[in-house]
PDB file of N, CA and C in Angstrom:
ATOM      1  N   UNK A   1      13.973 -29.265  71.513  1.00  0.00           N
ATOM      2  CA  UNK A   1      12.775 -29.817  70.733  1.00  0.00           C
ATOM      3  C   UNK A   1      11.649 -28.907  71.104  1.00  0.00           C
ATOM      4  N   UNK A   2      10.426 -28.712  70.427  1.00  0.00           N
ATOM      5  CA  UNK A   2       9.494 -28.034  70.511  1.00  0.00           C
ATOM      6  C   UNK A   2       8.036 -28.794  70.388  1.00  0.00           C
ATOM      7  N   UNK A   3       7.345 -28.447  71.418  1.00  0.00           N
ATOM      8  CA  UNK A   3       5.962 -29.356  71.454  1.00  0.00           C
ATOM      9  C   UNK A   3       4.919 -28.251  71.514  1.00  0.00           C
ATOM     10  N   UNK A   4       3.990 -28.465  70.846  1.00  0.00           N
ATOM     11  CA  UNK A   4       2.701 -27.662  70.796  1.00  0.00           C
ATOM     12  C   UNK A   4       1.524 -28.102  71.723  1.00  0.00           C
ATOM     13  N   UNK A   5       1.236 -27.318  72.760  1.00  0.00           N
ATOM     14  CA  UNK A   5       0.095 -27.930  73.529  1.00  0.00           C
ATOM     15  C   UNK A   5      -0.948 -26.944  73.462  1.00  0.00           C
ATOM     16  N   UNK A   6      -2.368 -27.327  73.614  1.00  0.00           N
ATOM     17  CA  UNK A   6      -3.449 -26.482  73.786  1.00  0.00           C
ATOM     18  C   UNK A   6      -3.426 -25.837  75.401  1.00  0.00           C
ATOM     19  N   UNK A   7      -4.118 -24.613  75.201  1.00  0.00           N
ATOM     20  CA  UNK A   7      -4.141 -23.807  76.550  1.00  0.00           C
ATOM     21  C   UNK A   7      -4.824 -24.879  77.532  1.00  0.00           C
ATOM     22  N   UNK A   8      -5.877 -25.459  77.344  1.00  0.00           N
ATOM     23  CA  UNK A   8      -6.392 -26.529  78.244  1.00  0.00           C
ATOM     24  C   UNK A   8      -5.561 -27.650  78.756  1.00  0.00           C
ATOM     25  N   UNK A   9      -4.943 -28.068  77.744  1.00  0.00           N
ATOM     26  CA  UNK A   9      -3.840 -29.082  78.211  1.00  0.00           C
ATOM     27  C   UNK A   9      -2.742 -28.592  78.974  1.00  0.00           C
ATOM     28  N   UNK A  10      -2.508 -27.178  78.872  1.00  0.00           N
ATOM     29  CA  UNK A  10      -1.384 -27.033  79.662  1.00  0.00           C
ATOM     30  C   UNK A  10      -2.131 -26.815  81.179  1.00  0.00           C
ATOM     31  N   UNK A  11      -3.229 -26.205  81.239  1.00  0.00           N
ATOM     32  CA  UNK A  11      -3.774 -25.976  82.328  1.00  0.00           C
ATOM     33  C   UNK A  11      -3.810 -27.473  83.197  1.00  0.00           C
ATOM     34  N   UNK A  12      -3.984 -28.514  82.537  1.00  0.00           N
ATOM     35  CA  UNK A  12      -4.173 -29.787  83.213  1.00  0.00           C
ATOM     36  C   UNK A  12      -2.876 -30.450  83.621  1.00  0.00           C
ATOM     37  N   UNK A  13      -1.996 -29.821  82.781  1.00  0.00           N
ATOM     38  CA  UNK A  13      -0.447 -30.544  83.044  1.00  0.00           C
ATOM     39  C   UNK A  13       0.588 -29.627  83.346  1.00  0.00           C
ATOM     40  N   UNK A  14       0.273 -28.480  83.966  1.00  0.00           N
ATOM     41  CA  UNK A  14       1.229 -27.424  84.009  1.00  0.00           C
ATOM     42  C   UNK A  14       2.534 -28.094  84.742  1.00  0.00           C
ATOM     43  N   UNK A  15       2.394 -28.677  85.714  1.00  0.00           N
ATOM     44  CA  UNK A  15       3.488 -29.203  86.721  1.00  0.00           C
ATOM     45  C   UNK A  15       4.312 -30.180  85.851  1.00  0.00           C
ATOM     46  N   UNK A  16       3.926 -31.064  85.012  1.00  0.00           N
ATOM     47  CA  UNK A  16       4.499 -31.735  84.006  1.00  0.00           C
ATOM     48  C   UNK A  16       5.250 -30.993  83.132  1.00  0.00           C
ATOM     49  N   UNK A  17       4.823 -30.089  82.525  1.00  0.00           N
ATOM     50  CA  UNK A  17       5.227 -29.125  81.367  1.00  0.00           C
ATOM     51  C   UNK A  17       6.454 -28.313  82.169  1.00  0.00           C
ATOM     52  N   UNK A  18       6.336 -27.886  83.323  1.00  0.00           N
ATOM     53  CA  UNK A  18       7.400 -26.954  83.819  1.00  0.00           C
ATOM     54  C   UNK A  18       8.494 -28.023  84.300  1.00  0.00           C
ATOM     55  N   UNK A  19       8.197 -29.144  84.808  1.00  0.00           N
ATOM     56  CA  UNK A  19       9.184 -30.086  85.072  1.00  0.00           C
ATOM     57  C   UNK A  19      10.116 -30.470  83.773  1.00  0.00           C
ATOM     58  N   UNK A  20       9.339 -30.728  82.639  1.00  0.00           N
ATOM     59  CA  UNK A  20      10.241 -31.076  81.434  1.00  0.00           C
ATOM     60  C   UNK A  20      11.125 -29.929  80.961  1.00  0.00           C
ATOM     61  N   UNK A  21      10.364 -28.817  81.010  1.00  0.00           N
ATOM     62  CA  UNK A  21      11.047 -27.624  80.685  1.00  0.00           C
ATOM     63  C   UNK A  21      12.294 -27.463  81.450  1.00  0.00           C
ATOM     64  N   UNK A  22      12.202 -27.626  82.678  1.00  0.00           N
ATOM     65  CA  UNK A  22      13.224 -27.397  83.633  1.00  0.00           C
ATOM     66  C   UNK A  22      14.402 -28.520  83.361  1.00  0.00           C
ATOM     67  N   UNK A  23      14.012 -29.869  83.326  1.00  0.00           N
ATOM     68  CA  UNK A  23      14.968 -30.906  83.332  1.00  0.00           C
ATOM     69  C   UNK A  23      15.539 -31.274  81.999  1.00  0.00           C
ATOM     70  N   UNK A  24      14.599 -31.221  80.944  1.00  0.00           N
ATOM     71  CA  UNK A  24      15.016 -31.815  79.707  1.00  0.00           C
ATOM     72  C   UNK A  24      15.080 -30.560  78.601  1.00  0.00           C
ATOM     73  N   UNK A  25      15.006 -29.426  79.007  1.00  0.00           N
ATOM     74  CA  UNK A  25      15.152 -28.046  78.315  1.00  0.00           C
ATOM     75  C   UNK A  25      13.962 -28.177  77.042  1.00  0.00           C
ATOM     76  N   UNK A  26      12.933 -29.036  77.324  1.00  0.00           N
ATOM     77  CA  UNK A  26      11.915 -29.026  76.458  1.00  0.00           C
ATOM     78  C   UNK A  26      11.361 -27.673  76.092  1.00  0.00           C
ATOM     79  N   UNK A  27      10.807 -27.378  74.997  1.00  0.00           N
ATOM     80  CA  UNK A  27      10.028 -25.889  74.591  1.00  0.00           C
ATOM     81  C   UNK A  27       8.682 -26.299  74.382  1.00  0.00           C
ATOM     82  N   UNK A  28       7.735 -25.422  75.132  1.00  0.00           N
ATOM     83  CA  UNK A  28       6.385 -25.890  74.765  1.00  0.00           C
ATOM     84  C   UNK A  28       5.707 -24.596  74.007  1.00  0.00           C
ATOM     85  N   UNK A  29       5.120 -24.577  73.060  1.00  0.00           N
ATOM     86  CA  UNK A  29       4.339 -23.608  72.490  1.00  0.00           C
ATOM     87  C   UNK A  29       2.784 -23.849  72.745  1.00  0.00           C
ATOM     88  N   UNK A  30       2.576 -22.875  73.197  1.00  0.00           N
ATOM     89  CA  UNK A  30       0.825 -22.995  73.890  1.00  0.00           C
ATOM     90  C   UNK A  30       0.178 -22.386  72.610  1.00  0.00           C
ATOM     91  N   UNK A  31      -1.038 -23.216  72.135  1.00  0.00           N
ATOM     92  CA  UNK A  31      -1.887 -22.650  71.152  1.00  0.00           C
ATOM     93  C   UNK A  31      -3.455 -22.457  71.758  1.00  0.00           C
ATOM     94  N   UNK A  32      -4.053 -21.560  71.174  1.00  0.00           N
ATOM     95  CA  UNK A  32      -5.430 -21.067  71.617  1.00  0.00           C
ATOM     96  C   UNK A  32      -6.294 -21.134  70.247  1.00  0.00           C
ATOM     97  N   UNK A  33      -7.133 -21.967  70.315  1.00  0.00           N
ATOM     98  CA  UNK A  33      -8.101 -21.845  69.148  1.00  0.00           C
ATOM     99  C   UNK A  33      -7.040 -22.373  67.616  1.00  0.00           C
ATOM    100  N   UNK A  34      -6.179 -23.086  67.873  1.00  0.00           N
ATOM    101  CA  UNK A  34      -5.467 -23.577  67.001  1.00  0.00           C
ATOM    102  C   UNK A  34      -4.147 -22.648  66.480  1.00  0.00           C
ATOM    103  N   UNK A  35      -4.150 -21.468  67.206  1.00  0.00           N
ATOM    104  CA  UNK A  35      -3.209 -20.523  66.870  1.00  0.00           C
ATOM    105  C   UNK A  35      -1.900 -20.389  67.809  1.00  0.00           C
ATOM    106  N   UNK A  36      -0.867 -20.474  67.623  1.00  0.00           N
ATOM    107  CA  UNK A  36       0.462 -20.354  68.521  1.00  0.00           C
ATOM    108  C   UNK A  36       0.401 -18.979  69.056  1.00  0.00           C
ATOM    109  N   UNK A  37       0.309 -18.802  70.629  1.00  0.00           N
ATOM    110  CA  UNK A  37       0.214 -17.691  71.065  1.00  0.00           C
ATOM    111  C   UNK A  37       1.352 -17.311  72.319  1.00  0.00           C
ATOM    112  N   UNK A  38       1.702 -18.468  72.835  1.00  0.00           N
ATOM    113  CA  UNK A  38       2.782 -18.260  73.962  1.00  0.00           C
ATOM    114  C   UNK A  38       3.674 -19.373  73.866  1.00  0.00           C
ATOM    115  N   UNK A  39       4.600 -19.340  74.901  1.00  0.00           N
ATOM    116  CA  UNK A  39       5.505 -20.380  74.877  1.00  0.00           C
ATOM    117  C   UNK A  39       6.121 -20.454  76.393  1.00  0.00           C
ATOM    118  N   UNK A  40       6.471 -21.770  76.817  1.00  0.00           N
ATOM    119  CA  UNK A  40       7.110 -22.097  78.001  1.00  0.00           C
ATOM    120  C   UNK A  40       8.686 -22.485  77.493  1.00  0.00           C
ATOM    121  N   UNK A  41       9.424 -21.871  78.072  1.00  0.00           N
ATOM    122  CA  UNK A  41      10.831 -22.161  77.654  1.00  0.00           C
ATOM    123  C   UNK A  41      11.719 -21.942  78.671  1.00  0.00           C
ATOM    124  N   UNK A  42      12.887 -22.883  78.590  1.00  0.00           N
ATOM    125  CA  UNK A  42      13.808 -22.902  79.699  1.00  0.00           C
ATOM    126  C   UNK A  42      14.399 -21.567  79.828  1.00  0.00           C
ATOM    127  N   UNK A  43      14.696 -21.364  81.343  1.00  0.00           N
ATOM    128  CA  UNK A  43      15.109 -19.817  81.667  1.00  0.00           C
ATOM    129  C   UNK A  43      16.443 -19.453  80.964  1.00  0.00           C
ATOM    130  N   UNK A  44      17.185 -20.288  80.700  1.00  0.00           N
ATOM    131  CA  UNK A  44      18.385 -20.292  79.944  1.00  0.00           C
ATOM    132  C   UNK A  44      18.008 -19.567  78.543  1.00  0.00           C
ATOM    133  N   UNK A  45      17.023 -19.929  77.811  1.00  0.00           N
ATOM    134  CA  UNK A  45      16.563 -19.501  76.710  1.00  0.00           C
ATOM    135  C   UNK A  45      16.265 -18.053  76.706  1.00  0.00           C
ATOM    136  N   UNK A  46      15.638 -17.954  77.858  1.00  0.00           N
ATOM    137  CA  UNK A  46      14.988 -16.373  78.206  1.00  0.00           C
ATOM    138  C   UNK A  46      16.120 -15.517  78.329  1.00  0.00           C
ATOM    139  N   UNK A  47      17.076 -15.939  79.034  1.00  0.00           N
ATOM    140  CA  UNK A  47      18.370 -15.156  79.581  1.00  0.00           C
ATOM    141  C   UNK A  47      18.821 -14.820  78.069  1.00  0.00           C
ATOM    142  N   UNK A  48      19.207 -15.682  77.179  1.00  0.00           N
ATOM    143  CA  UNK A  48      19.749 -15.557  75.768  1.00  0.00           C
ATOM    144  C   UNK A  48      18.900 -14.389  75.161  1.00  0.00           C
ATOM    145  N   UNK A  49      17.543 -14.557  75.051  1.00  0.00           N
ATOM    146  CA  UNK A  49      16.910 -13.642  74.444  1.00  0.00           C
ATOM    147  C   UNK A  49      16.960 -12.318  75.103  1.00  0.00           C
ATOM    148  N   UNK A  50      17.123 -12.099  76.425  1.00  0.00           N
ATOM    149  CA  UNK A  50      17.353 -10.764  76.845  1.00  0.00           C
ATOM    150  C   UNK A  50      18.675 -10.319  76.657  1.00  0.00           C
ATOM    151  N   UNK A  51      19.592 -11.040  76.561  1.00  0.00           N
ATOM    152  CA  UNK A  51      21.025 -10.517  76.288  1.00  0.00           C
ATOM    153  C   UNK A  51      21.046 -10.005  74.862  1.00  0.00           C
ATOM    154  N   UNK A  52      20.278 -10.970  73.767  1.00  0.00           N
ATOM    155  CA  UNK A  52      20.053 -10.282  72.436  1.00  0.00           C
ATOM    156  C   UNK A  52      19.392  -8.934  72.331  1.00  0.00           C
ATOM    157  N   UNK A  53      18.294  -8.796  73.120  1.00  0.00           N
ATOM    158  CA  UNK A  53      17.651  -7.480  73.280  1.00  0.00           C
ATOM    159  C   UNK A  53      18.362  -6.503  73.717  1.00  0.00           C
ATOM    160  N   UNK A  54      19.238  -6.724  74.730  1.00  0.00           N
ATOM    161  CA  UNK A  54      20.053  -5.804  75.362  1.00  0.00           C
ATOM    162  C   UNK A  54      21.161  -5.212  74.302  1.00  0.00           C
ATOM    163  N   UNK A  55      21.751  -6.318  73.602  1.00  0.00           N
ATOM    164  CA  UNK A  55      22.683  -5.862  72.294  1.00  0.00           C
ATOM    165  C   UNK A  55      21.855  -4.924  71.306  1.00  0.00           C
ATOM    166  N   UNK A  56      20.720  -5.321  71.054  1.00  0.00           N
ATOM    167  CA  UNK A  56      19.953  -4.466  70.063  1.00  0.00           C
ATOM    168  C   UNK A  56      19.729  -3.011  70.510  1.00  0.00           C
ATOM    169  N   UNK A  57      19.353  -2.886  71.968  1.00  0.00           N
ATOM    170  CA  UNK A  57      19.291  -1.638  72.412  1.00  0.00           C
ATOM    171  C   UNK A  57      20.460  -0.912  72.635  1.00  0.00           C
ATOM    172  N   UNK A  58      21.576  -1.383  72.760  1.00  0.00           N
ATOM    173  CA  UNK A  58      23.033  -0.916  72.968  1.00  0.00           C
ATOM    174  C   UNK A  58      23.152  -0.229  71.473  1.00  0.00           C
ATOM    175  N   UNK A  59      23.104  -1.121  70.411  1.00  0.00           N
ATOM    176  CA  UNK A  59      23.294  -0.676  69.183  1.00  0.00           C
ATOM    177  C   UNK A  59      22.394   0.458  68.916  1.00  0.00           C
ATOM    178  N   UNK A  60      21.210   0.452  69.134  1.00  0.00           N
ATOM    179  CA  UNK A  60      20.326   1.656  68.706  1.00  0.00           C
ATOM    180  C   UNK A  60      20.646   2.803  69.458  1.00  0.00           C
ATOM    181  N   UNK A  61      20.945   2.601  70.707  1.00  0.00           N
ATOM    182  CA  UNK A  61      21.410   3.798  71.518  1.00  0.00           C
ATOM    183  C   UNK A  61      22.782   4.460  70.768  1.00  0.00           C
ATOM    184  N   UNK A  62      23.529   3.714  70.494  1.00  0.00           N
ATOM    185  CA  UNK A  62      25.085   4.124  69.753  1.00  0.00           C
ATOM    186  C   UNK A  62      24.703   4.790  68.645  1.00  0.00           C
ATOM    187  N   UNK A  63      23.707   4.348  67.867  1.00  0.00           N
ATOM    188  CA  UNK A  63      23.316   4.834  66.573  1.00  0.00           C
ATOM    189  C   UNK A  63      22.464   6.218  66.707  1.00  0.00           C
ATOM    190  N   UNK A  64      21.706   6.342  67.909  1.00  0.00           N
ATOM    191  CA  UNK A  64      21.191   7.658  68.090  1.00  0.00           C
ATOM    192  C   UNK A  64      22.081   8.606  68.532  1.00  0.00           C
ATOM    193  N   UNK A  65      22.936   8.316  69.328  1.00  0.00           N
ATOM    194  CA  UNK A  65      24.338   9.336  69.858  1.00  0.00           C
ATOM    195  C   UNK A  65      24.854   9.883  68.563  1.00  0.00           C
ATOM    196  N   UNK A  66      25.265   8.955  67.743  1.00  0.00           N
ATOM    197  CA  UNK A  66      26.028   9.186  66.650  1.00  0.00           C
ATOM    198  C   UNK A  66      25.227  10.284  65.770  1.00  0.00           C
ATOM    199  N   UNK A  67      23.988   9.822  65.448  1.00  0.00           N
ATOM    200  CA  UNK A  67      23.052  10.816  64.657  1.00  0.00           C
ATOM    201  C   UNK A  67      23.007  12.028  65.421  1.00  0.00           C
ATOM    202  N   UNK A  68      22.907  12.273  66.627  1.00  0.00           N
ATOM    203  CA  UNK A  68      22.683  13.515  67.449  1.00  0.00           C
ATOM    204  C   UNK A  68      23.932  14.246  67.296  1.00  0.00           C
ATOM    205  N   UNK A  69      25.063  13.485  67.437  1.00  0.00           N
ATOM    206  CA  UNK A  69      26.307  14.124  67.273  1.00  0.00           C
ATOM    207  C   UNK A  69      26.490  14.913  65.857  1.00  0.00           C
ATOM    208  N   UNK A  70      26.089  14.216  64.657  1.00  0.00           N
ATOM    209  CA  UNK A  70      26.125  14.524  63.420  1.00  0.00           C
ATOM    210  C   UNK A  70      25.323  15.728  62.974  1.00  0.00           C
ATOM    211  N   UNK A  71      24.241  15.787  63.935  1.00  0.00           N
ATOM    212  CA  UNK A  71      23.350  16.901  63.643  1.00  0.00           C
ATOM    213  C   UNK A  71      23.324  18.145  64.595  1.00  0.00           C
ATOM    214  N   UNK A  72      24.737  18.310  65.295  1.00  0.00           N
ATOM    215  CA  UNK A  72      24.830  19.391  65.966  1.00  0.00           C
ATOM    216  C   UNK A  72      25.014  19.125  67.437  1.00  0.00           C
ATOM    217  N   UNK A  73      25.245  17.873  67.952  1.00  0.00           N
ATOM    218  CA  UNK A  73      25.550  17.651  69.297  1.00  0.00           C
ATOM    219  C   UNK A  73      24.311  17.231  70.266  1.00  0.00           C
ATOM    220  N   UNK A  74      24.653  17.073  71.475  1.00  0.00           N
ATOM    221  CA  UNK A  74      23.909  16.412  72.392  1.00  0.00           C
ATOM    222  C   UNK A  74      23.925  17.544  73.643  1.00  0.00           C
ATOM    223  N   UNK A  75      22.473  17.757  74.001  1.00  0.00           N
ATOM    224  CA  UNK A  75      22.613  18.719  75.146  1.00  0.00           C
ATOM    225  C   UNK A  75      22.185  17.884  76.379  1.00  0.00           C
ATOM    226  N   UNK A  76      22.388  18.416  77.732  1.00  0.00           N
ATOM    227  CA  UNK A  76      22.210  17.968  78.929  1.00  0.00           C
ATOM    228  C   UNK A  76      20.541  17.899  79.089  1.00  0.00           C
ATOM    229  N   UNK A  77      20.378  17.166  79.953  1.00  0.00           N
ATOM    230  CA  UNK A  77      18.818  16.956  80.359  1.00  0.00           C
ATOM    231  C   UNK A  77      18.428  18.437  81.018  1.00  0.00           C
ATOM    232  N   UNK A  78      19.242  18.862  81.634  1.00  0.00           N
ATOM    233  CA  UNK A  78      18.914  20.262  82.403  1.00  0.00           C
ATOM    234  C   UNK A  78      18.735  21.409  81.194  1.00  0.00           C
ATOM    235  N   UNK A  79      19.634  21.359  80.236  1.00  0.00           N
ATOM    236  CA  UNK A  79      19.631  22.380  79.295  1.00  0.00           C
ATOM    237  C   UNK A  79      18.355  21.985  78.467  1.00  0.00           C
ATOM    238  N   UNK A  80      17.829  20.793  78.246  1.00  0.00           N
ATOM    239  CA  UNK A  80      16.606  20.521  77.536  1.00  0.00           C
ATOM    240  C   UNK A  80      15.453  21.097  78.321  1.00  0.00           C
ATOM    241  N   UNK A  81      15.623  20.792  79.694  1.00  0.00           N
ATOM    242  CA  UNK A  81      14.492  21.531  80.411  1.00  0.00           C
ATOM    243  C   UNK A  81      14.261  22.905  80.470  1.00  0.00           C
ATOM    244  N   UNK A  82      15.505  23.674  80.314  1.00  0.00           N
ATOM    245  CA  UNK A  82      15.473  25.052  80.173  1.00  0.00           C
ATOM    246  C   UNK A  82      14.891  25.529  78.764  1.00  0.00           C
ATOM    247  N   UNK A  83      15.323  24.730  77.704  1.00  0.00           N
ATOM    248  CA  UNK A  83      14.735  24.999  76.283  1.00  0.00           C
ATOM    249  C   UNK A  83      13.233  25.065  76.131  1.00  0.00           C
ATOM    250  N   UNK A  84      12.852  23.866  76.919  1.00  0.00           N
ATOM    251  CA  UNK A  84      11.317  23.805  76.733  1.00  0.00           C
ATOM    252  C   UNK A  84      10.412  24.601  77.852  1.00  0.00           C
ATOM    253  N   UNK A  85      11.400  25.200  78.788  1.00  0.00           N
ATOM    254  CA  UNK A  85      10.587  26.144  79.696  1.00  0.00           C
ATOM    255  C   UNK A  85      10.072  25.449  81.075  1.00  0.00           C
ATOM    256  N   UNK A  86      10.842  24.385  81.303  1.00  0.00           N
ATOM    257  CA  UNK A  86      10.206  23.606  82.453  1.00  0.00           C
ATOM    258  C   UNK A  86      11.146  23.557  83.679  1.00  0.00           C
ATOM    259  N   UNK A  87      12.356  24.603  83.560  1.00  0.00           N
ATOM    260  CA  UNK A  87      13.262  24.651  84.646  1.00  0.00           C
ATOM    261  C   UNK A  87      12.960  25.283  85.740  1.00  0.00           C
ATOM    262  N   UNK A  88      12.989  24.487  87.023  1.00  0.00           N
ATOM    263  CA  UNK A  88      12.878  25.270  88.180  1.00  0.00           C
ATOM    264  C   UNK A  88      13.801  25.925  88.922  1.00  0.00           C
TER     265      UNK A  88
END
């Protein structure tokens, strides 16, 4: 379930909101001047979001590697440093 609370309400009731989030898995959207701007969510929701982000990052990295291989290959970091003239 999702509940919207104002910033001032969250300031007054943060302990209650955190407890509800922890124990009932309630999600709170925090609004400022009537606009949704942040959320307090259960840690399990955050962990799921982070896993999804990791999957997108892996997919993007795999696509970048494939594209690099199709365009002539991948060079090592040391080779890159030599090519740009910063090899020590």
